[in-house]
Amino acid sequence: MKRDYFEDVDVAVTVCAKDGTILDMNAKSKKTFLKPGMPEIIGNNVLDCHPEPARSLLADMLENPRTNVYTVEKEGVKKLIFQTPWYDEGEYAGFMELSMVLPEVIPNRVRK
């Protein structure tokens, strides 16, 4: 039995194929990105969900796989966005996005 470790975590996880097709969204991702009454978007292209300039950046990331990390703030809520390629048996298969709410204060621990 394969477990879905991401389904119930408090991080929005969205997985796309290398052509931009949304393959999967965990519960937090659906709650974050689907507004009430909005239809399912799995199977749609992720590029159709983003305005410029994010659309062009994502299109380029699909063609030239790389990790993109940034923070965003909306209505007083700050989030960390981590977009990274994923691989199937060593072959580039698309990218996944992890979106998590950040607390106001984050400890930074330096380890030696």
N, C-alpha and C. Protein backbone atom coordinates (compact mmCIF):
# COMPACT_ATOMS: atom_id res chain seq x y z
N MET A 1 0.83 -1.17 0.00
CA MET A 1 0.00 0.00 0.00
C MET A 1 0.89 1.25 0.00
N LYS A 2 0.66 2.13 -0.95
CA LYS A 2 1.41 3.37 -1.02
C LYS A 2 0.66 4.45 -0.25
N ARG A 3 1.37 5.11 0.66
CA ARG A 3 0.76 6.16 1.46
C ARG A 3 0.96 7.51 0.78
N ASP A 4 0.00 8.39 0.94
CA ASP A 4 0.12 9.75 0.45
C ASP A 4 0.48 10.63 1.65
N TYR A 5 1.76 10.82 1.85
CA TYR A 5 2.24 11.57 3.01
C TYR A 5 1.87 13.04 2.95
N PHE A 6 1.57 13.55 1.77
CA PHE A 6 1.29 14.98 1.61
C PHE A 6 -0.18 15.34 1.76
N GLU A 7 -1.08 14.39 1.75
CA GLU A 7 -2.51 14.70 1.69
C GLU A 7 -2.98 15.58 2.84
N ASP A 8 -2.58 15.29 4.05
CA ASP A 8 -3.13 16.00 5.20
C ASP A 8 -2.14 16.91 5.92
N VAL A 9 -1.02 17.25 5.28
CA VAL A 9 -0.07 18.17 5.92
C VAL A 9 -0.55 19.61 5.73
N ASP A 10 -0.04 20.50 6.57
CA ASP A 10 -0.44 21.91 6.53
C ASP A 10 0.46 22.70 5.57
N VAL A 11 0.70 22.13 4.42
CA VAL A 11 1.47 22.73 3.34
C VAL A 11 0.72 22.44 2.05
N ALA A 12 0.50 23.47 1.23
CA ALA A 12 -0.17 23.25 -0.06
C ALA A 12 0.85 22.64 -1.03
N VAL A 13 0.54 21.44 -1.54
CA VAL A 13 1.41 20.75 -2.48
C VAL A 13 0.66 20.57 -3.79
N THR A 14 1.23 21.11 -4.87
CA THR A 14 0.65 21.00 -6.20
C THR A 14 1.71 20.40 -7.12
N VAL A 15 1.33 19.38 -7.89
CA VAL A 15 2.26 18.69 -8.77
C VAL A 15 1.81 18.84 -10.21
N CYS A 16 2.75 19.24 -11.06
CA CYS A 16 2.46 19.45 -12.48
C CYS A 16 3.37 18.57 -13.34
N ALA A 17 2.87 18.18 -14.49
CA ALA A 17 3.68 17.48 -15.48
C ALA A 17 4.55 18.49 -16.21
N LYS A 18 5.51 18.02 -16.99
CA LYS A 18 6.42 18.94 -17.66
C LYS A 18 5.74 19.75 -18.76
N ASP A 19 4.53 19.37 -19.16
CA ASP A 19 3.78 20.20 -20.12
C ASP A 19 2.87 21.20 -19.41
N GLY A 20 2.92 21.21 -18.06
CA GLY A 20 2.14 22.16 -17.28
C GLY A 20 0.82 21.63 -16.76
N THR A 21 0.43 20.43 -17.16
CA THR A 21 -0.82 19.84 -16.69
C THR A 21 -0.75 19.59 -15.19
N ILE A 22 -1.75 20.07 -14.46
CA ILE A 22 -1.82 19.84 -13.02
C ILE A 22 -2.20 18.39 -12.80
N LEU A 23 -1.32 17.64 -12.16
CA LEU A 23 -1.53 16.21 -11.93
C LEU A 23 -2.19 15.91 -10.59
N ASP A 24 -1.83 16.69 -9.58
CA ASP A 24 -2.34 16.38 -8.25
C ASP A 24 -2.25 17.61 -7.36
N MET A 25 -3.16 17.68 -6.42
CA MET A 25 -3.18 18.73 -5.41
C MET A 25 -3.59 18.05 -4.10
N ASN A 26 -2.87 18.36 -3.02
CA ASN A 26 -3.31 17.81 -1.74
C ASN A 26 -4.46 18.65 -1.20
N ALA A 27 -5.00 18.25 -0.07
CA ALA A 27 -6.17 18.93 0.50
C ALA A 27 -5.89 20.41 0.76
N LYS A 28 -4.72 20.74 1.30
CA LYS A 28 -4.38 22.13 1.60
C LYS A 28 -4.28 22.95 0.32
N SER A 29 -3.73 22.37 -0.74
CA SER A 29 -3.63 23.06 -2.02
C SER A 29 -5.02 23.38 -2.58
N LYS A 30 -5.91 22.41 -2.52
CA LYS A 30 -7.28 22.63 -3.01
C LYS A 30 -7.96 23.72 -2.19
N LYS A 31 -7.77 23.68 -0.87
CA LYS A 31 -8.39 24.68 0.00
C LYS A 31 -7.82 26.07 -0.29
N THR A 32 -6.54 26.13 -0.60
CA THR A 32 -5.86 27.40 -0.86
C THR A 32 -6.23 28.00 -2.20
N PHE A 33 -6.27 27.17 -3.24
CA PHE A 33 -6.39 27.69 -4.59
C PHE A 33 -7.78 27.58 -5.21
N LEU A 34 -8.64 26.71 -4.69
CA LEU A 34 -9.98 26.57 -5.24
C LEU A 34 -10.95 27.38 -4.38
N LYS A 35 -11.55 28.37 -4.98
CA LYS A 35 -12.53 29.18 -4.27
C LYS A 35 -13.86 28.43 -4.23
N PRO A 36 -14.74 28.74 -3.25
CA PRO A 36 -16.03 28.04 -3.17
C PRO A 36 -16.78 28.07 -4.50
N GLY A 37 -17.25 26.91 -4.91
CA GLY A 37 -17.99 26.78 -6.16
C GLY A 37 -17.12 26.63 -7.39
N MET A 38 -15.80 26.77 -7.21
CA MET A 38 -14.88 26.64 -8.34
C MET A 38 -14.70 25.17 -8.68
N PRO A 39 -14.70 24.82 -9.97
CA PRO A 39 -14.53 23.42 -10.34
C PRO A 39 -13.09 22.94 -10.10
N GLU A 40 -12.93 21.66 -10.07
CA GLU A 40 -11.61 21.02 -9.94
C GLU A 40 -10.69 21.53 -11.05
N ILE A 41 -9.43 21.77 -10.73
CA ILE A 41 -8.50 22.22 -11.77
C ILE A 41 -7.44 21.17 -12.12
N ILE A 42 -7.48 20.01 -11.45
CA ILE A 42 -6.58 18.93 -11.85
C ILE A 42 -6.91 18.57 -13.29
N GLY A 43 -5.89 18.49 -14.12
CA GLY A 43 -6.07 18.25 -15.55
C GLY A 43 -5.94 19.52 -16.37
N ASN A 44 -6.08 20.68 -15.71
CA ASN A 44 -5.90 21.96 -16.39
C ASN A 44 -4.41 22.29 -16.45
N ASN A 45 -4.06 23.29 -17.25
CA ASN A 45 -2.67 23.72 -17.33
C ASN A 45 -2.40 24.78 -16.28
N VAL A 46 -1.32 24.61 -15.54
CA VAL A 46 -0.95 25.53 -14.48
C VAL A 46 -0.71 26.94 -15.02
N LEU A 47 -0.30 27.04 -16.27
CA LEU A 47 -0.05 28.36 -16.86
C LEU A 47 -1.33 29.18 -16.96
N ASP A 48 -2.46 28.51 -17.13
CA ASP A 48 -3.75 29.20 -17.22
C ASP A 48 -4.20 29.78 -15.88
N CYS A 49 -3.53 29.38 -14.81
CA CYS A 49 -3.90 29.83 -13.46
C CYS A 49 -3.07 31.03 -13.00
N HIS A 50 -2.14 31.48 -13.83
CA HIS A 50 -1.22 32.54 -13.42
C HIS A 50 -1.21 33.70 -14.41
N PRO A 51 -1.27 34.93 -13.88
CA PRO A 51 -1.12 36.11 -14.74
C PRO A 51 0.37 36.37 -15.01
N GLU A 52 0.65 37.25 -15.93
CA GLU A 52 2.03 37.69 -16.14
C GLU A 52 2.48 38.52 -14.94
N PRO A 53 3.73 38.52 -14.58
CA PRO A 53 4.84 37.83 -15.23
C PRO A 53 5.05 36.40 -14.73
N ALA A 54 4.23 35.95 -13.75
CA ALA A 54 4.40 34.60 -13.20
C ALA A 54 4.22 33.53 -14.28
N ARG A 55 3.30 33.76 -15.20
CA ARG A 55 3.05 32.79 -16.28
C ARG A 55 4.30 32.53 -17.10
N SER A 56 4.98 33.59 -17.52
CA SER A 56 6.19 33.44 -18.33
C SER A 56 7.31 32.77 -17.53
N LEU A 57 7.42 33.11 -16.25
CA LEU A 57 8.44 32.48 -15.41
C LEU A 57 8.18 30.98 -15.30
N LEU A 58 6.93 30.59 -15.05
CA LEU A 58 6.59 29.17 -14.94
C LEU A 58 6.82 28.44 -16.27
N ALA A 59 6.45 29.07 -17.37
CA ALA A 59 6.67 28.46 -18.69
C ALA A 59 8.16 28.20 -18.90
N ASP A 60 8.99 29.15 -18.51
CA ASP A 60 10.43 28.98 -18.65
C ASP A 60 10.95 27.89 -17.73
N MET A 61 10.39 27.81 -16.51
CA MET A 61 10.81 26.76 -15.57
C MET A 61 10.43 25.37 -16.09
N LEU A 62 9.31 25.26 -16.80
CA LEU A 62 8.92 23.97 -17.37
C LEU A 62 9.91 23.55 -18.46
N GLU A 63 10.39 24.52 -19.23
CA GLU A 63 11.35 24.23 -20.30
C GLU A 63 12.78 24.08 -19.79
N ASN A 64 13.11 24.81 -18.75
CA ASN A 64 14.47 24.83 -18.19
C ASN A 64 14.38 24.55 -16.70
N PRO A 65 14.27 23.27 -16.33
CA PRO A 65 14.01 22.90 -14.94
C PRO A 65 15.03 23.49 -13.96
N ARG A 66 14.48 24.14 -12.94
CA ARG A 66 15.30 24.69 -11.87
C ARG A 66 14.38 24.97 -10.68
N THR A 67 14.98 25.18 -9.54
CA THR A 67 14.23 25.50 -8.34
C THR A 67 14.06 27.02 -8.24
N ASN A 68 12.88 27.43 -7.82
CA ASN A 68 12.55 28.84 -7.64
C ASN A 68 11.95 28.97 -6.24
N VAL A 69 12.52 29.84 -5.42
CA VAL A 69 12.07 30.02 -4.04
C VAL A 69 11.88 31.50 -3.77
N TYR A 70 10.74 31.85 -3.17
CA TYR A 70 10.48 33.23 -2.82
C TYR A 70 9.41 33.29 -1.74
N THR A 71 9.24 34.48 -1.16
CA THR A 71 8.15 34.69 -0.22
C THR A 71 7.16 35.66 -0.87
N VAL A 72 5.93 35.57 -0.42
CA VAL A 72 4.86 36.44 -0.90
C VAL A 72 4.00 36.80 0.30
N GLU A 73 3.44 38.00 0.27
CA GLU A 73 2.54 38.41 1.34
C GLU A 73 1.24 38.89 0.73
N LYS A 74 0.13 38.37 1.27
CA LYS A 74 -1.19 38.76 0.79
C LYS A 74 -2.11 38.85 2.00
N GLU A 75 -2.76 39.99 2.15
CA GLU A 75 -3.68 40.23 3.25
C GLU A 75 -3.04 39.94 4.60
N GLY A 76 -1.78 40.32 4.75
CA GLY A 76 -1.07 40.16 6.01
C GLY A 76 -0.54 38.77 6.28
N VAL A 77 -0.73 37.83 5.36
CA VAL A 77 -0.24 36.46 5.53
C VAL A 77 0.99 36.28 4.63
N LYS A 78 2.10 35.93 5.24
CA LYS A 78 3.34 35.73 4.49
C LYS A 78 3.53 34.23 4.24
N LYS A 79 3.89 33.90 3.00
CA LYS A 79 4.08 32.49 2.64
C LYS A 79 5.44 32.29 1.98
N LEU A 80 5.98 31.11 2.17
CA LEU A 80 7.16 30.66 1.46
C LEU A 80 6.67 29.81 0.30
N ILE A 81 7.13 30.12 -0.92
CA ILE A 81 6.79 29.35 -2.10
C ILE A 81 8.07 28.66 -2.56
N PHE A 82 8.00 27.35 -2.68
CA PHE A 82 9.15 26.54 -3.10
C PHE A 82 8.72 25.72 -4.30
N GLN A 83 9.22 26.09 -5.47
CA GLN A 83 8.89 25.38 -6.71
C GLN A 83 10.15 24.64 -7.15
N THR A 84 10.00 23.35 -7.41
CA THR A 84 11.18 22.56 -7.74
C THR A 84 10.83 21.44 -8.71
N PRO A 85 11.77 21.08 -9.59
CA PRO A 85 11.51 19.96 -10.51
C PRO A 85 11.35 18.66 -9.74
N TRP A 86 10.57 17.74 -10.31
CA TRP A 86 10.50 16.39 -9.77
C TRP A 86 10.84 15.43 -10.90
N TYR A 87 11.25 14.23 -10.52
CA TYR A 87 11.78 13.28 -11.49
C TYR A 87 11.11 11.93 -11.32
N ASP A 88 10.93 11.24 -12.42
CA ASP A 88 10.38 9.88 -12.42
C ASP A 88 11.45 8.97 -13.01
N GLU A 89 11.99 8.12 -12.16
CA GLU A 89 13.08 7.22 -12.55
C GLU A 89 14.23 7.98 -13.19
N GLY A 90 14.57 9.12 -12.59
CA GLY A 90 15.70 9.90 -13.04
C GLY A 90 15.43 10.85 -14.19
N GLU A 91 14.23 10.82 -14.77
CA GLU A 91 13.89 11.68 -15.89
C GLU A 91 12.99 12.82 -15.43
N TYR A 92 13.32 14.03 -15.87
CA TYR A 92 12.53 15.20 -15.54
C TYR A 92 11.07 14.96 -15.91
N ALA A 93 10.16 15.18 -14.95
CA ALA A 93 8.74 14.88 -15.17
C ALA A 93 7.84 16.08 -14.98
N GLY A 94 8.36 17.18 -14.43
CA GLY A 94 7.55 18.36 -14.18
C GLY A 94 8.06 19.09 -12.96
N PHE A 95 7.19 19.88 -12.34
CA PHE A 95 7.62 20.53 -11.11
C PHE A 95 6.51 20.46 -10.08
N MET A 96 6.92 20.62 -8.84
CA MET A 96 5.95 20.67 -7.75
C MET A 96 6.16 21.98 -7.00
N GLU A 97 5.05 22.46 -6.46
CA GLU A 97 5.10 23.69 -5.67
C GLU A 97 4.63 23.37 -4.26
N LEU A 98 5.41 23.83 -3.30
CA LEU A 98 5.02 23.75 -1.90
C LEU A 98 4.82 25.18 -1.43
N SER A 99 3.67 25.46 -0.85
CA SER A 99 3.33 26.79 -0.37
C SER A 99 2.96 26.67 1.10
N MET A 100 3.70 27.38 1.94
CA MET A 100 3.45 27.27 3.38
C MET A 100 3.39 28.63 4.04
N VAL A 101 2.45 28.78 4.95
CA VAL A 101 2.32 30.01 5.72
C VAL A 101 3.49 30.10 6.69
N LEU A 102 4.10 31.28 6.74
CA LEU A 102 5.22 31.51 7.65
C LEU A 102 4.75 32.24 8.90
N PRO A 103 5.26 31.85 10.06
CA PRO A 103 4.93 32.59 11.27
C PRO A 103 5.60 33.97 11.22
N GLU A 104 5.11 34.89 12.04
CA GLU A 104 5.68 36.25 12.06
C GLU A 104 7.16 36.24 12.42
N VAL A 105 7.51 35.39 13.35
CA VAL A 105 8.91 35.29 13.78
C VAL A 105 9.38 33.86 13.52
N ILE A 106 10.50 33.76 12.83
CA ILE A 106 11.07 32.44 12.54
C ILE A 106 12.46 32.38 13.15
N PRO A 107 12.70 31.44 14.06
CA PRO A 107 14.05 31.29 14.60
C PRO A 107 15.01 30.82 13.50
N ASN A 108 16.21 31.32 13.53
CA ASN A 108 17.24 30.87 12.61
C ASN A 108 18.35 30.22 13.45
N ARG A 109 18.50 28.94 13.29
CA ARG A 109 19.48 28.20 14.09
C ARG A 109 20.69 27.89 13.21
N VAL A 110 21.83 28.37 13.65
CA VAL A 110 23.08 28.10 12.93
C VAL A 110 23.71 26.87 13.55
N ARG A 111 23.95 25.89 12.73
CA ARG A 111 24.53 24.63 13.22
C ARG A 111 25.96 24.49 12.70
N LYS A 112 26.77 23.90 13.54
CA LYS A 112 28.18 23.67 13.15
C LYS A 112 28.46 22.21 13.04
